[in-house]
């Protein structure tokens, strides 16, 4: 399953979780950190935390992040850490 350019809304969350339910791998955008959630919402993107929450709720086995904002090029580990905390496991 692959998710990109998705607003974190109740409707989208339900659709993504249903589609990704019990998937072996979820490839998911993590464009912004949670501290920049307002910007993510304005641009119809997910935060790393939201990606982790979606993966956890969908009970996926593995979460792979993609589509990072260039603003984090010096600290991509922050995106992985935030997603991992929300997912409850390691993230690639």
PDB file of N, CA and C in Angstrom:
ATOM      1  N   UNK A   1       0.845  -1.173   0.000  1.00  0.00           N
ATOM      2  CA  UNK A   1       0.000   0.000   0.000  1.00  0.00           C
ATOM      3  C   UNK A   1       0.885   1.229   0.000  1.00  0.00           C
ATOM      4  N   UNK A   2       0.492   2.244  -0.766  1.00  0.00           N
ATOM      5  CA  UNK A   2       1.264   3.475  -0.908  1.00  0.00           C
ATOM      6  C   UNK A   2       0.348   4.681  -0.684  1.00  0.00           C
ATOM      7  N   UNK A   3       0.724   5.567   0.234  1.00  0.00           N
ATOM      8  CA  UNK A   3      -0.078   6.755   0.539  1.00  0.00           C
ATOM      9  C   UNK A   3       0.781   7.999   0.362  1.00  0.00           C
ATOM     10  N   UNK A   4       0.291   8.929  -0.450  1.00  0.00           N
ATOM     11  CA  UNK A   4       0.979  10.206  -0.620  1.00  0.00           C
ATOM     12  C   UNK A   4      -0.038  11.302  -0.929  1.00  0.00           C
ATOM     13  N   UNK A   5       0.352  12.529  -0.634  1.00  0.00           N
ATOM     14  CA  UNK A   5      -0.493  13.694  -0.879  1.00  0.00           C
ATOM     15  C   UNK A   5      -1.881  13.517  -0.267  1.00  0.00           C
ATOM     16  N   UNK A   6      -1.886  13.235   1.022  1.00  0.00           N
ATOM     17  CA  UNK A   6      -3.147  12.964   1.715  1.00  0.00           C
ATOM     18  C   UNK A   6      -3.299  13.883   2.927  1.00  0.00           C
ATOM     19  N   UNK A   7      -4.413  14.540   2.998  1.00  0.00           N
ATOM     20  CA  UNK A   7      -4.773  15.336   4.164  1.00  0.00           C
ATOM     21  C   UNK A   7      -5.174  14.398   5.300  1.00  0.00           C
ATOM     22  N   UNK A   8      -4.730  14.699   6.513  1.00  0.00           N
ATOM     23  CA  UNK A   8      -5.145  13.901   7.669  1.00  0.00           C
ATOM     24  C   UNK A   8      -6.504  14.402   8.127  1.00  0.00           C
ATOM     25  N   UNK A   9      -7.541  13.782   7.637  1.00  0.00           N
ATOM     26  CA  UNK A   9      -8.913  14.108   8.016  1.00  0.00           C
ATOM     27  C   UNK A   9      -9.581  12.818   8.463  1.00  0.00           C
ATOM     28  N   UNK A  10     -10.718  12.949   9.115  1.00  0.00           N
ATOM     29  CA  UNK A  10     -11.436  11.757   9.581  1.00  0.00           C
ATOM     30  C   UNK A  10     -11.765  10.836   8.411  1.00  0.00           C
ATOM     31  N   UNK A  11     -12.267  11.405   7.328  1.00  0.00           N
ATOM     32  CA  UNK A  11     -12.644  10.603   6.159  1.00  0.00           C
ATOM     33  C   UNK A  11     -11.426   9.907   5.539  1.00  0.00           C
ATOM     34  N   UNK A  12     -10.345  10.645   5.332  1.00  0.00           N
ATOM     35  CA  UNK A  12      -9.138  10.037   4.759  1.00  0.00           C
ATOM     36  C   UNK A  12      -8.541   8.992   5.690  1.00  0.00           C
ATOM     37  N   UNK A  13      -8.541   9.280   7.003  1.00  0.00           N
ATOM     38  CA  UNK A  13      -8.003   8.314   7.965  1.00  0.00           C
ATOM     39  C   UNK A  13      -8.758   7.002   7.850  1.00  0.00           C
ATOM     40  N   UNK A  14     -10.061   7.062   7.814  1.00  0.00           N
ATOM     41  CA  UNK A  14     -10.864   5.843   7.709  1.00  0.00           C
ATOM     42  C   UNK A  14     -10.573   5.080   6.421  1.00  0.00           C
ATOM     43  N   UNK A  15     -10.455   5.796   5.321  1.00  0.00           N
ATOM     44  CA  UNK A  15     -10.178   5.152   4.031  1.00  0.00           C
ATOM     45  C   UNK A  15      -8.791   4.502   4.012  1.00  0.00           C
ATOM     46  N   UNK A  16      -7.798   5.227   4.502  1.00  0.00           N
ATOM     47  CA  UNK A  16      -6.426   4.709   4.497  1.00  0.00           C
ATOM     48  C   UNK A  16      -6.309   3.488   5.399  1.00  0.00           C
ATOM     49  N   UNK A  17      -6.888   3.581   6.586  1.00  0.00           N
ATOM     50  CA  UNK A  17      -6.820   2.453   7.522  1.00  0.00           C
ATOM     51  C   UNK A  17      -7.517   1.231   6.929  1.00  0.00           C
ATOM     52  N   UNK A  18      -8.636   1.419   6.295  1.00  0.00           N
ATOM     53  CA  UNK A  18      -9.354   0.290   5.675  1.00  0.00           C
ATOM     54  C   UNK A  18      -8.546  -0.325   4.538  1.00  0.00           C
ATOM     55  N   UNK A  19      -7.948   0.510   3.710  1.00  0.00           N
ATOM     56  CA  UNK A  19      -7.169  -0.007   2.577  1.00  0.00           C
ATOM     57  C   UNK A  19      -5.880  -0.698   3.020  1.00  0.00           C
ATOM     58  N   UNK A  20      -5.255  -0.151   4.055  1.00  0.00           N
ATOM     59  CA  UNK A  20      -3.963  -0.681   4.511  1.00  0.00           C
ATOM     60  C   UNK A  20      -4.096  -1.763   5.576  1.00  0.00           C
ATOM     61  N   UNK A  21      -5.296  -2.079   5.988  1.00  0.00           N
ATOM     62  CA  UNK A  21      -5.520  -3.022   7.082  1.00  0.00           C
ATOM     63  C   UNK A  21      -4.733  -4.325   6.896  1.00  0.00           C
ATOM     64  N   UNK A  22      -3.894  -4.630   7.877  1.00  0.00           N
ATOM     65  CA  UNK A  22      -3.078  -5.848   7.921  1.00  0.00           C
ATOM     66  C   UNK A  22      -2.094  -5.974   6.754  1.00  0.00           C
ATOM     67  N   UNK A  23      -1.744  -4.865   6.125  1.00  0.00           N
ATOM     68  CA  UNK A  23      -0.775  -4.905   5.018  1.00  0.00           C
ATOM     69  C   UNK A  23       0.605  -5.307   5.529  1.00  0.00           C
ATOM     70  N   UNK A  24       1.360  -5.961   4.677  1.00  0.00           N
ATOM     71  CA  UNK A  24       2.740  -6.302   5.024  1.00  0.00           C
ATOM     72  C   UNK A  24       3.595  -5.036   5.096  1.00  0.00           C
ATOM     73  N   UNK A  25       3.423  -4.133   4.126  1.00  0.00           N
ATOM     74  CA  UNK A  25       4.210  -2.902   4.082  1.00  0.00           C
ATOM     75  C   UNK A  25       3.303  -1.735   3.709  1.00  0.00           C
ATOM     76  N   UNK A  26       3.454  -0.637   4.434  1.00  0.00           N
ATOM     77  CA  UNK A  26       2.790   0.616   4.087  1.00  0.00           C
ATOM     78  C   UNK A  26       3.880   1.626   3.759  1.00  0.00           C
ATOM     79  N   UNK A  27       3.913   2.068   2.519  1.00  0.00           N
ATOM     80  CA  UNK A  27       4.787   3.160   2.100  1.00  0.00           C
ATOM     81  C   UNK A  27       3.965   4.431   2.272  1.00  0.00           C
ATOM     82  N   UNK A  28       4.425   5.326   3.142  1.00  0.00           N
ATOM     83  CA  UNK A  28       3.597   6.483   3.487  1.00  0.00           C
ATOM     84  C   UNK A  28       4.424   7.755   3.532  1.00  0.00           C
ATOM     85  N   UNK A  29       3.857   8.808   2.979  1.00  0.00           N
ATOM     86  CA  UNK A  29       4.513  10.103   3.065  1.00  0.00           C
ATOM     87  C   UNK A  29       4.608  10.539   4.524  1.00  0.00           C
ATOM     88  N   UNK A  30       5.653  11.288   4.809  1.00  0.00           N
ATOM     89  CA  UNK A  30       5.835  11.912   6.121  1.00  0.00           C
ATOM     90  C   UNK A  30       6.506  13.250   5.840  1.00  0.00           C
ATOM     91  N   UNK A  31       5.764  14.144   5.248  1.00  0.00           N
ATOM     92  CA  UNK A  31       6.333  15.372   4.707  1.00  0.00           C
ATOM     93  C   UNK A  31       6.820  16.313   5.793  1.00  0.00           C
ATOM     94  N   UNK A  32       6.082  16.389   6.894  1.00  0.00           N
ATOM     95  CA  UNK A  32       6.409  17.351   7.943  1.00  0.00           C
ATOM     96  C   UNK A  32       6.475  16.683   9.314  1.00  0.00           C
ATOM     97  N   UNK A  33       7.115  17.362  10.251  1.00  0.00           N
ATOM     98  CA  UNK A  33       7.067  16.962  11.650  1.00  0.00           C
ATOM     99  C   UNK A  33       5.769  17.484  12.259  1.00  0.00           C
ATOM    100  N   UNK A  34       5.368  16.896  13.364  1.00  0.00           N
ATOM    101  CA  UNK A  34       4.129  17.288  14.031  1.00  0.00           C
ATOM    102  C   UNK A  34       4.147  18.766  14.425  1.00  0.00           C
ATOM    103  N   UNK A  35       5.304  19.305  14.757  1.00  0.00           N
ATOM    104  CA  UNK A  35       5.399  20.722  15.121  1.00  0.00           C
ATOM    105  C   UNK A  35       4.982  21.627  13.961  1.00  0.00           C
ATOM    106  N   UNK A  36       4.983  21.089  12.750  1.00  0.00           N
ATOM    107  CA  UNK A  36       4.577  21.829  11.560  1.00  0.00           C
ATOM    108  C   UNK A  36       3.253  21.310  10.997  1.00  0.00           C
ATOM    109  N   UNK A  37       2.418  20.800  11.880  1.00  0.00           N
ATOM    110  CA  UNK A  37       1.139  20.203  11.473  1.00  0.00           C
ATOM    111  C   UNK A  37       0.244  21.191  10.720  1.00  0.00           C
ATOM    112  N   UNK A  38       0.230  22.446  11.138  1.00  0.00           N
ATOM    113  CA  UNK A  38      -0.603  23.428  10.444  1.00  0.00           C
ATOM    114  C   UNK A  38      -0.182  23.575   8.980  1.00  0.00           C
ATOM    115  N   UNK A  39       1.100  23.582   8.749  1.00  0.00           N
ATOM    116  CA  UNK A  39       1.612  23.664   7.374  1.00  0.00           C
ATOM    117  C   UNK A  39       1.243  22.405   6.595  1.00  0.00           C
ATOM    118  N   UNK A  40       1.348  21.254   7.243  1.00  0.00           N
ATOM    119  CA  UNK A  40       0.973  19.991   6.597  1.00  0.00           C
ATOM    120  C   UNK A  40      -0.495  20.034   6.179  1.00  0.00           C
ATOM    121  N   UNK A  41      -1.345  20.519   7.061  1.00  0.00           N
ATOM    122  CA  UNK A  41      -2.774  20.606   6.759  1.00  0.00           C
ATOM    123  C   UNK A  41      -3.025  21.565   5.595  1.00  0.00           C
ATOM    124  N   UNK A  42      -2.368  22.712   5.617  1.00  0.00           N
ATOM    125  CA  UNK A  42      -2.524  23.693   4.530  1.00  0.00           C
ATOM    126  C   UNK A  42      -2.139  23.104   3.177  1.00  0.00           C
ATOM    127  N   UNK A  43      -1.149  22.222   3.178  1.00  0.00           N
ATOM    128  CA  UNK A  43      -0.618  21.673   1.925  1.00  0.00           C
ATOM    129  C   UNK A  43      -1.134  20.262   1.616  1.00  0.00           C
ATOM    130  N   UNK A  44      -2.079  19.794   2.416  1.00  0.00           N
ATOM    131  CA  UNK A  44      -2.690  18.466   2.219  1.00  0.00           C
ATOM    132  C   UNK A  44      -1.643  17.344   2.260  1.00  0.00           C
ATOM    133  N   UNK A  45      -0.844  17.389   3.324  1.00  0.00           N
ATOM    134  CA  UNK A  45       0.183  16.370   3.547  1.00  0.00           C
ATOM    135  C   UNK A  45       0.076  15.840   4.971  1.00  0.00           C
ATOM    136  N   UNK A  46       0.762  14.733   5.209  1.00  0.00           N
ATOM    137  CA  UNK A  46       0.794  14.101   6.520  1.00  0.00           C
ATOM    138  C   UNK A  46       2.056  14.485   7.278  1.00  0.00           C
ATOM    139  N   UNK A  47       1.970  14.449   8.593  1.00  0.00           N
ATOM    140  CA  UNK A  47       3.166  14.550   9.426  1.00  0.00           C
ATOM    141  C   UNK A  47       3.690  13.129   9.657  1.00  0.00           C
ATOM    142  N   UNK A  48       4.905  13.046  10.134  1.00  0.00           N
ATOM    143  CA  UNK A  48       5.480  11.736  10.449  1.00  0.00           C
ATOM    144  C   UNK A  48       4.662  11.046  11.540  1.00  0.00           C
ATOM    145  N   UNK A  49       4.218  11.802  12.524  1.00  0.00           N
ATOM    146  CA  UNK A  49       3.388  11.230  13.589  1.00  0.00           C
ATOM    147  C   UNK A  49       2.087  10.670  13.021  1.00  0.00           C
ATOM    148  N   UNK A  50       1.443  11.400  12.142  1.00  0.00           N
ATOM    149  CA  UNK A  50       0.199  10.931  11.535  1.00  0.00           C
ATOM    150  C   UNK A  50       0.428   9.659  10.726  1.00  0.00           C
ATOM    151  N   UNK A  51       1.541   9.581  10.017  1.00  0.00           N
ATOM    152  CA  UNK A  51       1.869   8.367   9.263  1.00  0.00           C
ATOM    153  C   UNK A  51       2.001   7.182  10.214  1.00  0.00           C
ATOM    154  N   UNK A  52       2.674   7.399  11.341  1.00  0.00           N
ATOM    155  CA  UNK A  52       2.819   6.338  12.337  1.00  0.00           C
ATOM    156  C   UNK A  52       1.496   5.912  12.941  1.00  0.00           C
ATOM    157  N   UNK A  53       0.641   6.883  13.223  1.00  0.00           N
ATOM    158  CA  UNK A  53      -0.677   6.567  13.779  1.00  0.00           C
ATOM    159  C   UNK A  53      -1.522   5.767  12.794  1.00  0.00           C
ATOM    160  N   UNK A  54      -1.486   6.153  11.528  1.00  0.00           N
ATOM    161  CA  UNK A  54      -2.238   5.426  10.504  1.00  0.00           C
ATOM    162  C   UNK A  54      -1.750   3.986  10.397  1.00  0.00           C
ATOM    163  N   UNK A  55      -0.441   3.812  10.388  1.00  0.00           N
ATOM    164  CA  UNK A  55       0.138   2.471  10.277  1.00  0.00           C
ATOM    165  C   UNK A  55      -0.230   1.605  11.473  1.00  0.00           C
ATOM    166  N   UNK A  56      -0.179   2.194  12.658  1.00  0.00           N
ATOM    167  CA  UNK A  56      -0.545   1.448  13.863  1.00  0.00           C
ATOM    168  C   UNK A  56      -2.019   1.059  13.840  1.00  0.00           C
ATOM    169  N   UNK A  57      -2.874   2.013  13.498  1.00  0.00           N
ATOM    170  CA  UNK A  57      -4.309   1.734  13.476  1.00  0.00           C
ATOM    171  C   UNK A  57      -4.660   0.687  12.411  1.00  0.00           C
ATOM    172  N   UNK A  58      -3.932   0.695  11.303  1.00  0.00           N
ATOM    173  CA  UNK A  58      -4.183  -0.275  10.233  1.00  0.00           C
ATOM    174  C   UNK A  58      -3.537  -1.625  10.513  1.00  0.00           C
ATOM    175  N   UNK A  59      -2.748  -1.692  11.578  1.00  0.00           N
ATOM    176  CA  UNK A  59      -2.080  -2.938  11.963  1.00  0.00           C
ATOM    177  C   UNK A  59      -1.142  -3.455  10.866  1.00  0.00           C
ATOM    178  N   UNK A  60      -0.408  -2.527  10.253  1.00  0.00           N
ATOM    179  CA  UNK A  60       0.542  -2.954   9.225  1.00  0.00           C
ATOM    180  C   UNK A  60       1.781  -3.534   9.894  1.00  0.00           C
ATOM    181  N   UNK A  61       2.458  -4.382   9.172  1.00  0.00           N
ATOM    182  CA  UNK A  61       3.650  -5.027   9.730  1.00  0.00           C
ATOM    183  C   UNK A  61       4.882  -4.125   9.643  1.00  0.00           C
ATOM    184  N   UNK A  62       4.974  -3.341   8.565  1.00  0.00           N
ATOM    185  CA  UNK A  62       6.161  -2.518   8.358  1.00  0.00           C
ATOM    186  C   UNK A  62       5.755  -1.172   7.768  1.00  0.00           C
ATOM    187  N   UNK A  63       6.356  -0.104   8.291  1.00  0.00           N
ATOM    188  CA  UNK A  63       6.115   1.245   7.801  1.00  0.00           C
ATOM    189  C   UNK A  63       7.385   1.781   7.161  1.00  0.00           C
ATOM    190  N   UNK A  64       7.252   2.236   5.910  1.00  0.00           N
ATOM    191  CA  UNK A  64       8.365   2.833   5.180  1.00  0.00           C
ATOM    192  C   UNK A  64       7.970   4.264   4.837  1.00  0.00           C
ATOM    193  N   UNK A  65       8.761   5.217   5.283  1.00  0.00           N
ATOM    194  CA  UNK A  65       8.465   6.631   5.062  1.00  0.00           C
ATOM    195  C   UNK A  65       9.041   7.133   3.751  1.00  0.00           C
ATOM    196  N   UNK A  66       8.362   8.144   3.195  1.00  0.00           N
ATOM    197  CA  UNK A  66       8.834   8.777   1.961  1.00  0.00           C
ATOM    198  C   UNK A  66       8.339  10.214   1.908  1.00  0.00           C
ATOM    199  N   UNK A  67       8.787  10.937   0.893  1.00  0.00           N
ATOM    200  CA  UNK A  67       8.274  12.269   0.549  1.00  0.00           C
ATOM    201  C   UNK A  67       8.470  13.267   1.683  1.00  0.00           C
ATOM    202  N   UNK A  68       9.735  13.538   2.026  1.00  0.00           N
ATOM    203  CA  UNK A  68      10.064  14.467   3.107  1.00  0.00           C
ATOM    204  C   UNK A  68      10.213  15.887   2.580  1.00  0.00           C
ATOM    205  N   UNK A  69       9.832  16.855   3.385  1.00  0.00           N
ATOM    206  CA  UNK A  69      10.070  18.251   3.042  1.00  0.00           C
ATOM    207  C   UNK A  69      11.572  18.524   3.084  1.00  0.00           C
ATOM    208  N   UNK A  70      12.072  19.331   2.156  1.00  0.00           N
ATOM    209  CA  UNK A  70      13.502  19.679   2.171  1.00  0.00           C
ATOM    210  C   UNK A  70      13.931  20.382   3.458  1.00  0.00           C
ATOM    211  N   UNK A  71      12.986  20.928   4.193  1.00  0.00           N
ATOM    212  CA  UNK A  71      13.348  21.630   5.431  1.00  0.00           C
ATOM    213  C   UNK A  71      13.990  20.700   6.462  1.00  0.00           C
ATOM    214  N   UNK A  72      13.833  19.389   6.288  1.00  0.00           N
ATOM    215  CA  UNK A  72      14.392  18.416   7.236  1.00  0.00           C
ATOM    216  C   UNK A  72      15.608  17.680   6.686  1.00  0.00           C
ATOM    217  N   UNK A  73      16.203  18.200   5.631  1.00  0.00           N
ATOM    218  CA  UNK A  73      17.338  17.494   5.022  1.00  0.00           C
ATOM    219  C   UNK A  73      18.515  17.328   5.980  1.00  0.00           C
ATOM    220  N   UNK A  74      18.633  18.208   6.960  1.00  0.00           N
ATOM    221  CA  UNK A  74      19.720  18.089   7.937  1.00  0.00           C
ATOM    222  C   UNK A  74      19.341  17.268   9.159  1.00  0.00           C
ATOM    223  N   UNK A  75      18.074  16.853   9.263  1.00  0.00           N
ATOM    224  CA  UNK A  75      17.656  16.094  10.428  1.00  0.00           C
ATOM    225  C   UNK A  75      16.556  15.078  10.081  1.00  0.00           C
ATOM    226  N   UNK A  76      16.773  14.245   9.065  1.00  0.00           N
ATOM    227  CA  UNK A  76      15.736  13.275   8.692  1.00  0.00           C
ATOM    228  C   UNK A  76      15.425  12.285   9.816  1.00  0.00           C
ATOM    229  N   UNK A  77      16.371  12.077  10.710  1.00  0.00           N
ATOM    230  CA  UNK A  77      16.146  11.139  11.812  1.00  0.00           C
ATOM    231  C   UNK A  77      14.978  11.576  12.693  1.00  0.00           C
ATOM    232  N   UNK A  78      14.695  12.874  12.743  1.00  0.00           N
ATOM    233  CA  UNK A  78      13.566  13.363  13.535  1.00  0.00           C
ATOM    234  C   UNK A  78      12.242  12.845  12.979  1.00  0.00           C
ATOM    235  N   UNK A  79      12.143  12.749  11.663  1.00  0.00           N
ATOM    236  CA  UNK A  79      10.933  12.210  11.033  1.00  0.00           C
ATOM    237  C   UNK A  79      10.765  10.733  11.373  1.00  0.00           C
ATOM    238  N   UNK A  80      11.849   9.979  11.282  1.00  0.00           N
ATOM    239  CA  UNK A  80      11.786   8.551  11.600  1.00  0.00           C
ATOM    240  C   UNK A  80      11.451   8.320  13.075  1.00  0.00           C
ATOM    241  N   UNK A  81      12.043   9.106  13.940  1.00  0.00           N
ATOM    242  CA  UNK A  81      11.799   8.967  15.380  1.00  0.00           C
ATOM    243  C   UNK A  81      10.327   9.260  15.703  1.00  0.00           C
ATOM    244  N   UNK A  82       9.803  10.345  15.140  1.00  0.00           N
ATOM    245  CA  UNK A  82       8.421  10.718  15.410  1.00  0.00           C
ATOM    246  C   UNK A  82       7.445   9.652  14.899  1.00  0.00           C
ATOM    247  N   UNK A  83       7.682   9.147  13.708  1.00  0.00           N
ATOM    248  CA  UNK A  83       6.810   8.110  13.145  1.00  0.00           C
ATOM    249  C   UNK A  83       6.924   6.833  13.954  1.00  0.00           C
ATOM    250  N   UNK A  84       8.123   6.465  14.344  1.00  0.00           N
ATOM    251  CA  UNK A  84       8.347   5.237  15.103  1.00  0.00           C
ATOM    252  C   UNK A  84       7.630   5.270  16.454  1.00  0.00           C
ATOM    253  N   UNK A  85       7.680   6.410  17.124  1.00  0.00           N
ATOM    254  CA  UNK A  85       7.003   6.557  18.419  1.00  0.00           C
ATOM    255  C   UNK A  85       5.495   6.361  18.266  1.00  0.00           C
ATOM    256  N   UNK A  86       4.920   6.908  17.209  1.00  0.00           N
ATOM    257  CA  UNK A  86       3.483   6.786  16.990  1.00  0.00           C
ATOM    258  C   UNK A  86       3.096   5.386  16.506  1.00  0.00           C
ATOM    259  N   UNK A  87       3.973   4.788  15.706  1.00  0.00           N
ATOM    260  CA  UNK A  87       3.716   3.452  15.160  1.00  0.00           C
ATOM    261  C   UNK A  87       3.894   2.370  16.226  1.00  0.00           C
ATOM    262  N   UNK A  88       4.856   2.596  17.099  1.00  0.00           N
ATOM    263  CA  UNK A  88       5.119   1.607  18.143  1.00  0.00           C
ATOM    264  C   UNK A  88       6.118   0.558  17.716  1.00  0.00           C
ATOM    265  N   UNK A  89       6.940   0.894  16.739  1.00  0.00           N
ATOM    266  CA  UNK A  89       7.943  -0.050  16.252  1.00  0.00           C
ATOM    267  C   UNK A  89       8.888   0.645  15.313  1.00  0.00           C
ATOM    268  N   UNK A  90       9.875  -0.085  14.810  1.00  0.00           N
ATOM    269  CA  UNK A  90      10.863   0.508  13.908  1.00  0.00           C
ATOM    270  C   UNK A  90      10.232   0.916  12.571  1.00  0.00           C
ATOM    271  N   UNK A  91      10.826   1.929  11.989  1.00  0.00           N
ATOM    272  CA  UNK A  91      10.355   2.488  10.724  1.00  0.00           C
ATOM    273  C   UNK A  91      11.548   2.604   9.787  1.00  0.00           C
ATOM    274  N   UNK A  92      11.316   2.308   8.530  1.00  0.00           N
ATOM    275  CA  UNK A  92      12.390   2.505   7.525  1.00  0.00           C
ATOM    276  C   UNK A  92      12.081   3.719   6.686  1.00  0.00           C
TER     277      UNK A  92
END
